């Protein structure tokens, strides 16, 4: 299976469907969800670097843009070799995010906190240090009304993605 085929199936299982790359928020959502999915132990083969909105994968963006209606429909019904286990893991991941799977601000904070924790603190960052480093790296987050509650919620949620 190619990365494109696998990505179609993954997006279908977690309920996002065919990628809509015409909306900036949706592009951020896909990037952060795939980053978090890989961080939770389901590798799809994408490398991520730090970018304006946090973890970003250029190869992932290219693959997402290549998925049109025909490609998605053709591949969303693929069956993985260990299909039952993988689908369960994908559903568990989806359930961990709950309604936040559609909250782009939250996904950006969660993925960014996770990235900073791994890159700067070897996964052992404490809340005050991670909060400070996140807001230093992304001062634009201070413009979000409920940023403090998003950061706290994301920090508490991190253990579900390690």
N, C-alpha and C. Protein backbone atom coordinates (compact mmCIF):
# COMPACT_ATOMS: atom_id res chain seq x y z
N UNK A 1 0.84 -1.19 0.00
CA UNK A 1 0.00 0.00 0.00
C UNK A 1 0.88 1.25 0.00
N UNK A 2 0.45 2.24 -0.74
CA UNK A 2 1.16 3.51 -0.76
C UNK A 2 0.70 4.38 0.41
N UNK A 3 1.45 5.42 0.69
CA UNK A 3 1.06 6.33 1.76
C UNK A 3 -0.29 6.97 1.45
N UNK A 4 -0.54 7.26 0.20
CA UNK A 4 -1.81 7.87 -0.20
C UNK A 4 -2.97 6.92 0.08
N UNK A 5 -2.81 5.65 -0.25
CA UNK A 5 -3.86 4.66 -0.02
C UNK A 5 -4.14 4.51 1.48
N UNK A 6 -3.06 4.40 2.24
CA UNK A 6 -3.20 4.25 3.69
C UNK A 6 -3.87 5.48 4.29
N UNK A 7 -3.46 6.65 3.85
CA UNK A 7 -4.03 7.89 4.38
C UNK A 7 -5.53 7.98 4.10
N UNK A 8 -5.97 7.57 2.93
CA UNK A 8 -7.40 7.55 2.61
C UNK A 8 -8.15 6.69 3.61
N UNK A 9 -7.63 5.51 3.87
CA UNK A 9 -8.28 4.58 4.80
C UNK A 9 -8.30 5.16 6.21
N UNK A 10 -7.18 5.70 6.65
CA UNK A 10 -7.08 6.28 7.99
C UNK A 10 -8.08 7.42 8.16
N UNK A 11 -8.14 8.33 7.20
CA UNK A 11 -9.07 9.45 7.28
C UNK A 11 -10.51 8.97 7.31
N UNK A 12 -10.80 7.91 6.58
CA UNK A 12 -12.14 7.35 6.60
C UNK A 12 -12.48 6.77 7.96
N UNK A 13 -11.57 5.98 8.52
CA UNK A 13 -11.83 5.32 9.80
C UNK A 13 -12.02 6.34 10.92
N UNK A 14 -11.20 7.39 10.95
CA UNK A 14 -11.34 8.36 12.04
C UNK A 14 -12.43 9.39 11.78
N UNK A 15 -13.13 9.25 10.66
CA UNK A 15 -14.31 10.06 10.42
C UNK A 15 -14.10 11.40 9.76
N UNK A 16 -12.93 11.64 9.20
CA UNK A 16 -12.69 12.93 8.55
C UNK A 16 -13.05 12.92 7.07
N UNK A 17 -13.11 11.74 6.48
CA UNK A 17 -13.47 11.64 5.07
C UNK A 17 -12.41 12.18 4.14
N UNK A 18 -12.82 12.47 2.92
CA UNK A 18 -11.91 12.98 1.89
C UNK A 18 -11.37 14.35 2.31
N UNK A 19 -10.06 14.55 2.19
CA UNK A 19 -9.49 15.84 2.57
C UNK A 19 -10.05 17.00 1.76
N UNK A 20 -10.38 18.08 2.47
CA UNK A 20 -10.82 19.32 1.85
C UNK A 20 -9.68 20.32 2.05
N UNK A 21 -8.84 20.43 1.05
CA UNK A 21 -7.65 21.26 1.18
C UNK A 21 -7.90 22.73 0.82
N UNK A 22 -9.14 23.08 0.52
CA UNK A 22 -9.45 24.47 0.16
C UNK A 22 -9.55 25.37 1.39
N UNK A 23 -9.68 24.80 2.58
CA UNK A 23 -9.82 25.60 3.79
C UNK A 23 -8.55 25.46 4.65
N UNK A 24 -8.00 26.61 5.03
CA UNK A 24 -6.76 26.62 5.82
C UNK A 24 -6.92 25.85 7.13
N UNK A 25 -8.03 26.07 7.82
CA UNK A 25 -8.25 25.37 9.09
C UNK A 25 -8.27 23.86 8.91
N UNK A 26 -8.83 23.40 7.83
CA UNK A 26 -8.86 21.95 7.58
C UNK A 26 -7.45 21.43 7.33
N UNK A 27 -6.62 22.19 6.63
CA UNK A 27 -5.24 21.76 6.38
C UNK A 27 -4.48 21.65 7.70
N UNK A 28 -4.71 22.60 8.59
CA UNK A 28 -4.09 22.54 9.92
C UNK A 28 -4.60 21.31 10.66
N UNK A 29 -5.90 21.08 10.60
CA UNK A 29 -6.50 19.93 11.28
C UNK A 29 -5.85 18.62 10.83
N UNK A 30 -5.71 18.41 9.53
CA UNK A 30 -5.10 17.17 9.03
C UNK A 30 -3.66 17.03 9.52
N UNK A 31 -2.90 18.12 9.45
CA UNK A 31 -1.51 18.07 9.88
C UNK A 31 -1.40 17.67 11.35
N UNK A 32 -2.20 18.31 12.19
CA UNK A 32 -2.10 18.05 13.63
C UNK A 32 -2.62 16.67 13.98
N UNK A 33 -3.68 16.22 13.34
CA UNK A 33 -4.23 14.90 13.64
C UNK A 33 -3.24 13.81 13.23
N UNK A 34 -2.65 13.93 12.06
CA UNK A 34 -1.69 12.90 11.64
C UNK A 34 -0.45 12.94 12.53
N UNK A 35 -0.01 14.14 12.91
CA UNK A 35 1.12 14.24 13.84
C UNK A 35 0.80 13.53 15.15
N UNK A 36 -0.37 13.82 15.72
CA UNK A 36 -0.77 13.21 16.99
C UNK A 36 -0.99 11.71 16.85
N UNK A 37 -1.55 11.30 15.75
CA UNK A 37 -1.77 9.88 15.50
C UNK A 37 -0.43 9.14 15.48
N UNK A 38 0.53 9.69 14.77
CA UNK A 38 1.86 9.07 14.75
C UNK A 38 2.51 9.11 16.13
N UNK A 39 2.30 10.18 16.86
CA UNK A 39 2.87 10.29 18.21
C UNK A 39 2.25 9.28 19.17
N UNK A 40 1.04 8.84 18.85
CA UNK A 40 0.38 7.85 19.71
C UNK A 40 0.80 6.43 19.35
N UNK A 41 1.66 6.28 18.34
CA UNK A 41 2.21 4.97 18.03
C UNK A 41 1.79 4.36 16.71
N UNK A 42 0.99 5.05 15.93
CA UNK A 42 0.57 4.53 14.63
C UNK A 42 1.35 5.27 13.56
N UNK A 43 2.42 4.68 13.10
CA UNK A 43 3.30 5.35 12.15
C UNK A 43 2.73 5.26 10.73
N UNK A 44 2.67 6.41 10.10
CA UNK A 44 2.25 6.48 8.70
C UNK A 44 3.42 6.90 7.81
N UNK A 45 4.58 7.11 8.42
CA UNK A 45 5.79 7.39 7.66
C UNK A 45 6.06 8.84 7.35
N UNK A 46 5.40 9.76 8.03
CA UNK A 46 5.62 11.19 7.77
C UNK A 46 6.54 11.78 8.83
N UNK A 47 7.51 12.54 8.38
CA UNK A 47 8.37 13.29 9.29
C UNK A 47 7.81 14.69 9.47
N UNK A 48 7.96 15.23 10.66
CA UNK A 48 7.43 16.56 10.96
C UNK A 48 8.54 17.47 11.45
N UNK A 49 8.44 18.73 11.05
CA UNK A 49 9.33 19.78 11.53
C UNK A 49 8.47 20.90 12.11
N UNK A 50 9.14 21.80 12.84
CA UNK A 50 8.43 22.94 13.41
C UNK A 50 8.18 23.97 12.32
N UNK A 51 6.96 24.50 12.30
CA UNK A 51 6.60 25.53 11.34
C UNK A 51 5.69 26.53 12.05
N UNK A 52 5.15 27.48 11.35
CA UNK A 52 4.37 28.58 11.93
C UNK A 52 3.25 28.08 12.85
N UNK A 53 2.52 27.08 12.43
CA UNK A 53 1.39 26.57 13.20
C UNK A 53 1.75 25.31 13.99
N UNK A 54 3.04 25.09 14.22
CA UNK A 54 3.46 23.92 14.99
C UNK A 54 3.99 22.83 14.08
N UNK A 55 3.87 21.57 14.49
CA UNK A 55 4.40 20.46 13.69
C UNK A 55 3.78 20.44 12.30
N UNK A 56 4.65 20.29 11.30
CA UNK A 56 4.20 20.33 9.91
C UNK A 56 5.01 19.35 9.08
N UNK A 57 4.32 18.68 8.17
CA UNK A 57 4.98 17.74 7.26
C UNK A 57 4.66 18.14 5.82
N UNK A 58 5.68 18.59 5.11
CA UNK A 58 5.49 18.92 3.70
C UNK A 58 5.09 17.70 2.87
N UNK A 59 5.72 16.53 3.06
CA UNK A 59 5.28 15.35 2.31
C UNK A 59 3.81 15.00 2.58
N UNK A 60 3.35 15.16 3.81
CA UNK A 60 1.94 14.90 4.12
C UNK A 60 1.05 15.87 3.34
N UNK A 61 1.42 17.14 3.32
CA UNK A 61 0.63 18.13 2.59
C UNK A 61 0.52 17.75 1.11
N UNK A 62 1.62 17.32 0.52
CA UNK A 62 1.60 16.92 -0.89
C UNK A 62 0.65 15.75 -1.12
N UNK A 63 0.70 14.76 -0.25
CA UNK A 63 -0.18 13.59 -0.40
C UNK A 63 -1.64 14.01 -0.22
N UNK A 64 -1.92 14.85 0.75
CA UNK A 64 -3.29 15.30 0.97
C UNK A 64 -3.85 16.01 -0.26
N UNK A 65 -3.01 16.83 -0.90
CA UNK A 65 -3.46 17.53 -2.11
C UNK A 65 -3.72 16.57 -3.28
N UNK A 66 -3.05 15.42 -3.27
CA UNK A 66 -3.22 14.44 -4.35
C UNK A 66 -4.49 13.61 -4.23
N UNK A 67 -5.13 13.65 -3.08
CA UNK A 67 -6.32 12.83 -2.86
C UNK A 67 -7.56 13.55 -3.39
N UNK A 68 -8.00 13.12 -4.54
CA UNK A 68 -9.24 13.66 -5.09
C UNK A 68 -10.38 12.68 -4.81
N UNK A 69 -11.58 12.98 -5.29
CA UNK A 69 -12.73 12.13 -5.00
C UNK A 69 -12.51 10.69 -5.44
N UNK A 70 -11.98 10.51 -6.65
CA UNK A 70 -11.78 9.16 -7.19
C UNK A 70 -10.77 8.37 -6.36
N UNK A 71 -9.66 9.00 -6.02
CA UNK A 71 -8.63 8.33 -5.22
C UNK A 71 -9.19 7.95 -3.85
N UNK A 72 -9.91 8.87 -3.24
CA UNK A 72 -10.47 8.59 -1.91
C UNK A 72 -11.46 7.44 -1.97
N UNK A 73 -12.40 7.49 -2.89
CA UNK A 73 -13.42 6.45 -3.00
C UNK A 73 -12.80 5.08 -3.28
N UNK A 74 -11.76 5.08 -4.09
CA UNK A 74 -11.11 3.83 -4.46
C UNK A 74 -10.37 3.20 -3.28
N UNK A 75 -9.87 4.02 -2.36
CA UNK A 75 -9.00 3.51 -1.30
C UNK A 75 -9.58 3.50 0.10
N UNK A 76 -10.71 4.13 0.34
CA UNK A 76 -11.24 4.19 1.69
C UNK A 76 -11.69 2.83 2.21
N UNK A 77 -11.91 1.89 1.34
CA UNK A 77 -12.35 0.56 1.75
C UNK A 77 -11.24 -0.47 1.79
N UNK A 78 -10.00 -0.02 1.74
CA UNK A 78 -8.88 -0.95 1.84
C UNK A 78 -8.95 -1.72 3.16
N UNK A 79 -8.35 -2.87 3.17
CA UNK A 79 -8.28 -3.68 4.39
C UNK A 79 -6.81 -3.84 4.73
N UNK A 80 -6.44 -3.44 5.94
CA UNK A 80 -5.07 -3.60 6.41
C UNK A 80 -4.79 -5.07 6.69
N UNK A 81 -3.52 -5.43 6.72
CA UNK A 81 -3.15 -6.82 7.01
C UNK A 81 -3.70 -7.23 8.37
N UNK A 82 -3.51 -6.40 9.38
CA UNK A 82 -4.05 -6.67 10.71
C UNK A 82 -5.20 -5.68 10.95
N UNK A 83 -6.18 -5.75 10.08
CA UNK A 83 -7.23 -4.74 10.00
C UNK A 83 -7.97 -4.51 11.31
N UNK A 84 -8.37 -5.55 11.98
CA UNK A 84 -9.16 -5.39 13.21
C UNK A 84 -8.39 -4.61 14.27
N UNK A 85 -7.14 -4.94 14.47
CA UNK A 85 -6.31 -4.25 15.47
C UNK A 85 -6.08 -2.79 15.09
N UNK A 86 -5.74 -2.56 13.83
CA UNK A 86 -5.44 -1.19 13.39
C UNK A 86 -6.69 -0.32 13.45
N UNK A 87 -7.81 -0.83 13.01
CA UNK A 87 -9.06 -0.06 13.07
C UNK A 87 -9.41 0.24 14.53
N UNK A 88 -9.19 -0.71 15.42
CA UNK A 88 -9.44 -0.47 16.85
C UNK A 88 -8.54 0.66 17.37
N UNK A 89 -7.26 0.62 17.01
CA UNK A 89 -6.33 1.67 17.45
C UNK A 89 -6.75 3.03 16.90
N UNK A 90 -7.17 3.06 15.65
CA UNK A 90 -7.62 4.32 15.05
C UNK A 90 -8.88 4.84 15.75
N UNK A 91 -9.80 3.95 16.05
CA UNK A 91 -11.01 4.35 16.76
C UNK A 91 -10.70 4.81 18.18
N UNK A 92 -9.77 4.13 18.84
CA UNK A 92 -9.35 4.56 20.18
C UNK A 92 -8.76 5.97 20.13
N UNK A 93 -7.93 6.21 19.13
CA UNK A 93 -7.33 7.54 18.95
C UNK A 93 -8.44 8.58 18.76
N UNK A 94 -9.37 8.27 17.89
CA UNK A 94 -10.49 9.17 17.60
C UNK A 94 -11.28 9.47 18.87
N UNK A 95 -11.51 8.45 19.67
CA UNK A 95 -12.26 8.62 20.91
C UNK A 95 -11.49 9.45 21.92
N UNK A 96 -10.16 9.35 21.95
CA UNK A 96 -9.36 10.17 22.85
C UNK A 96 -9.53 11.65 22.53
N UNK A 97 -9.62 11.97 21.26
CA UNK A 97 -9.80 13.37 20.86
C UNK A 97 -11.23 13.84 21.06
N UNK A 98 -12.18 12.95 20.90
CA UNK A 98 -13.58 13.33 21.05
C UNK A 98 -13.95 14.47 20.12
N UNK A 99 -14.74 15.40 20.61
CA UNK A 99 -15.18 16.54 19.80
C UNK A 99 -14.03 17.47 19.44
N UNK A 100 -12.93 17.38 20.18
CA UNK A 100 -11.78 18.25 19.90
C UNK A 100 -11.13 17.95 18.56
N UNK A 101 -11.52 16.85 17.92
CA UNK A 101 -10.98 16.53 16.60
C UNK A 101 -11.30 17.64 15.59
N UNK A 102 -12.32 18.45 15.89
CA UNK A 102 -12.69 19.55 15.00
C UNK A 102 -12.33 20.92 15.55
N UNK A 103 -11.65 20.98 16.69
CA UNK A 103 -11.25 22.24 17.29
C UNK A 103 -9.80 22.54 16.87
N UNK A 104 -9.66 23.33 15.82
CA UNK A 104 -8.34 23.58 15.23
C UNK A 104 -7.40 24.26 16.22
N UNK A 105 -7.90 25.21 17.00
CA UNK A 105 -7.04 25.88 17.99
C UNK A 105 -6.51 24.86 19.00
N UNK A 106 -7.40 24.00 19.47
CA UNK A 106 -6.98 22.99 20.44
C UNK A 106 -5.97 22.03 19.82
N UNK A 107 -6.22 21.57 18.61
CA UNK A 107 -5.29 20.65 17.95
C UNK A 107 -3.91 21.28 17.77
N UNK A 108 -3.90 22.57 17.42
CA UNK A 108 -2.63 23.27 17.26
C UNK A 108 -1.88 23.35 18.59
N UNK A 109 -2.58 23.67 19.67
CA UNK A 109 -1.95 23.75 20.99
C UNK A 109 -1.47 22.37 21.43
N UNK A 110 -2.31 21.36 21.30
CA UNK A 110 -1.95 20.01 21.73
C UNK A 110 -0.74 19.48 20.97
N UNK A 111 -0.77 19.57 19.64
CA UNK A 111 0.34 19.07 18.84
C UNK A 111 1.61 19.87 19.10
N UNK A 112 1.48 21.18 19.25
CA UNK A 112 2.65 22.03 19.50
C UNK A 112 3.26 21.73 20.87
N UNK A 113 2.41 21.58 21.88
CA UNK A 113 2.91 21.23 23.22
C UNK A 113 3.64 19.89 23.19
N UNK A 114 3.06 18.92 22.50
CA UNK A 114 3.70 17.61 22.40
C UNK A 114 5.06 17.72 21.71
N UNK A 115 5.11 18.44 20.61
CA UNK A 115 6.36 18.61 19.86
C UNK A 115 7.42 19.29 20.73
N UNK A 116 7.03 20.37 21.39
CA UNK A 116 7.96 21.10 22.26
C UNK A 116 8.43 20.21 23.41
N UNK A 117 7.53 19.45 23.98
CA UNK A 117 7.88 18.56 25.07
C UNK A 117 8.94 17.55 24.63
N UNK A 118 8.75 16.96 23.47
CA UNK A 118 9.71 15.96 22.96
C UNK A 118 11.02 16.62 22.56
N UNK A 119 10.94 17.74 21.85
CA UNK A 119 12.14 18.39 21.32
C UNK A 119 12.98 19.09 22.37
N UNK A 120 12.33 19.70 23.35
CA UNK A 120 13.05 20.52 24.33
C UNK A 120 13.21 19.89 25.71
N UNK A 121 12.33 18.96 26.03
CA UNK A 121 12.33 18.42 27.38
C UNK A 121 12.38 16.89 27.41
N UNK A 122 12.70 16.27 26.29
CA UNK A 122 12.78 14.81 26.18
C UNK A 122 11.52 14.12 26.73
N UNK A 123 10.39 14.79 26.58
CA UNK A 123 9.13 14.22 27.02
C UNK A 123 8.86 14.37 28.50
N UNK A 124 9.70 15.13 29.20
CA UNK A 124 9.55 15.25 30.65
C UNK A 124 9.28 16.68 31.11
N UNK A 125 8.70 17.47 30.21
CA UNK A 125 8.44 18.86 30.55
C UNK A 125 7.33 19.02 31.57
N UNK A 126 7.52 20.00 32.44
CA UNK A 126 6.48 20.33 33.42
C UNK A 126 5.62 21.46 32.86
N UNK A 127 4.42 21.57 33.38
CA UNK A 127 3.46 22.52 32.84
C UNK A 127 4.02 23.95 32.72
N UNK A 128 4.59 24.53 33.77
CA UNK A 128 5.05 25.93 33.63
C UNK A 128 6.09 26.10 32.52
N UNK A 129 7.00 25.13 32.40
CA UNK A 129 8.05 25.21 31.39
C UNK A 129 7.48 25.06 29.98
N UNK A 130 6.57 24.10 29.81
CA UNK A 130 5.96 23.89 28.51
C UNK A 130 5.09 25.08 28.09
N UNK A 131 4.32 25.60 29.02
CA UNK A 131 3.47 26.76 28.74
C UNK A 131 4.32 27.94 28.30
N UNK A 132 5.38 28.21 29.06
CA UNK A 132 6.26 29.34 28.73
C UNK A 132 6.89 29.15 27.36
N UNK A 133 7.41 27.97 27.10
CA UNK A 133 8.08 27.69 25.82
C UNK A 133 7.10 27.76 24.65
N UNK A 134 5.88 27.26 24.85
CA UNK A 134 4.86 27.31 23.80
C UNK A 134 4.54 28.77 23.45
N UNK A 135 4.31 29.59 24.45
CA UNK A 135 3.94 30.98 24.19
C UNK A 135 5.12 31.80 23.67
N UNK A 136 6.34 31.40 23.99
CA UNK A 136 7.50 32.05 23.40
C UNK A 136 7.61 31.70 21.92
N UNK A 137 7.37 30.44 21.59
CA UNK A 137 7.48 29.97 20.21
C UNK A 137 6.31 30.44 19.36
N UNK A 138 5.16 30.62 19.98
CA UNK A 138 3.95 30.97 19.25
C UNK A 138 3.20 32.10 19.97
N UNK A 139 3.76 33.30 20.00
CA UNK A 139 3.11 34.39 20.73
C UNK A 139 1.72 34.74 20.19
N UNK A 140 1.44 34.40 18.96
CA UNK A 140 0.12 34.69 18.38
C UNK A 140 -0.99 33.94 19.12
N UNK A 141 -0.64 32.88 19.83
CA UNK A 141 -1.65 32.14 20.60
C UNK A 141 -2.26 33.01 21.69
N UNK A 142 -1.54 34.01 22.15
CA UNK A 142 -2.08 34.90 23.17
C UNK A 142 -3.32 35.65 22.70
N UNK A 143 -3.56 35.67 21.41
CA UNK A 143 -4.74 36.35 20.86
C UNK A 143 -6.01 35.50 20.98
N UNK A 144 -5.87 34.23 21.32
CA UNK A 144 -7.02 33.36 21.49
C UNK A 144 -7.59 33.59 22.88
N UNK A 145 -8.88 33.87 22.96
CA UNK A 145 -9.53 34.23 24.22
C UNK A 145 -9.30 33.22 25.34
N UNK A 146 -9.48 31.95 25.05
CA UNK A 146 -9.39 30.92 26.09
C UNK A 146 -8.07 30.15 26.04
N UNK A 147 -6.99 30.82 25.67
CA UNK A 147 -5.73 30.12 25.46
C UNK A 147 -5.24 29.42 26.73
N UNK A 148 -5.39 30.03 27.87
CA UNK A 148 -4.91 29.40 29.11
C UNK A 148 -5.63 28.09 29.38
N UNK A 149 -6.93 28.06 29.16
CA UNK A 149 -7.66 26.81 29.39
C UNK A 149 -7.31 25.78 28.32
N UNK A 150 -7.06 26.22 27.09
CA UNK A 150 -6.64 25.28 26.04
C UNK A 150 -5.28 24.66 26.36
N UNK A 151 -4.36 25.48 26.85
CA UNK A 151 -3.03 24.97 27.19
C UNK A 151 -3.13 23.97 28.34
N UNK A 152 -3.89 24.31 29.37
CA UNK A 152 -4.04 23.41 30.52
C UNK A 152 -4.69 22.10 30.08
N UNK A 153 -5.75 22.19 29.30
CA UNK A 153 -6.43 21.00 28.82
C UNK A 153 -5.49 20.14 27.97
N UNK A 154 -4.73 20.78 27.09
CA UNK A 154 -3.79 20.05 26.23
C UNK A 154 -2.70 19.38 27.07
N UNK A 155 -2.20 20.08 28.07
CA UNK A 155 -1.18 19.48 28.94
C UNK A 155 -1.74 18.24 29.65
N UNK A 156 -2.95 18.34 30.16
CA UNK A 156 -3.58 17.20 30.82
C UNK A 156 -3.83 16.05 29.84
N UNK A 157 -4.07 16.39 28.60
CA UNK A 157 -4.39 15.42 27.55
C UNK A 157 -3.15 14.72 26.99
N UNK A 158 -1.98 15.34 27.18
CA UNK A 158 -0.74 14.80 26.59
C UNK A 158 -0.47 13.34 26.94
N UNK A 159 -0.80 12.95 28.13
CA UNK A 159 -0.51 11.57 28.55
C UNK A 159 -1.24 10.55 27.67
N UNK A 160 -2.33 10.96 27.05
CA UNK A 160 -3.08 10.05 26.19
C UNK A 160 -2.40 9.84 24.83
N UNK A 161 -1.41 10.65 24.52
CA UNK A 161 -0.74 10.57 23.22
C UNK A 161 0.71 10.15 23.33
N UNK A 162 1.16 9.76 24.51
CA UNK A 162 2.57 9.36 24.67
C UNK A 162 2.70 7.86 24.63
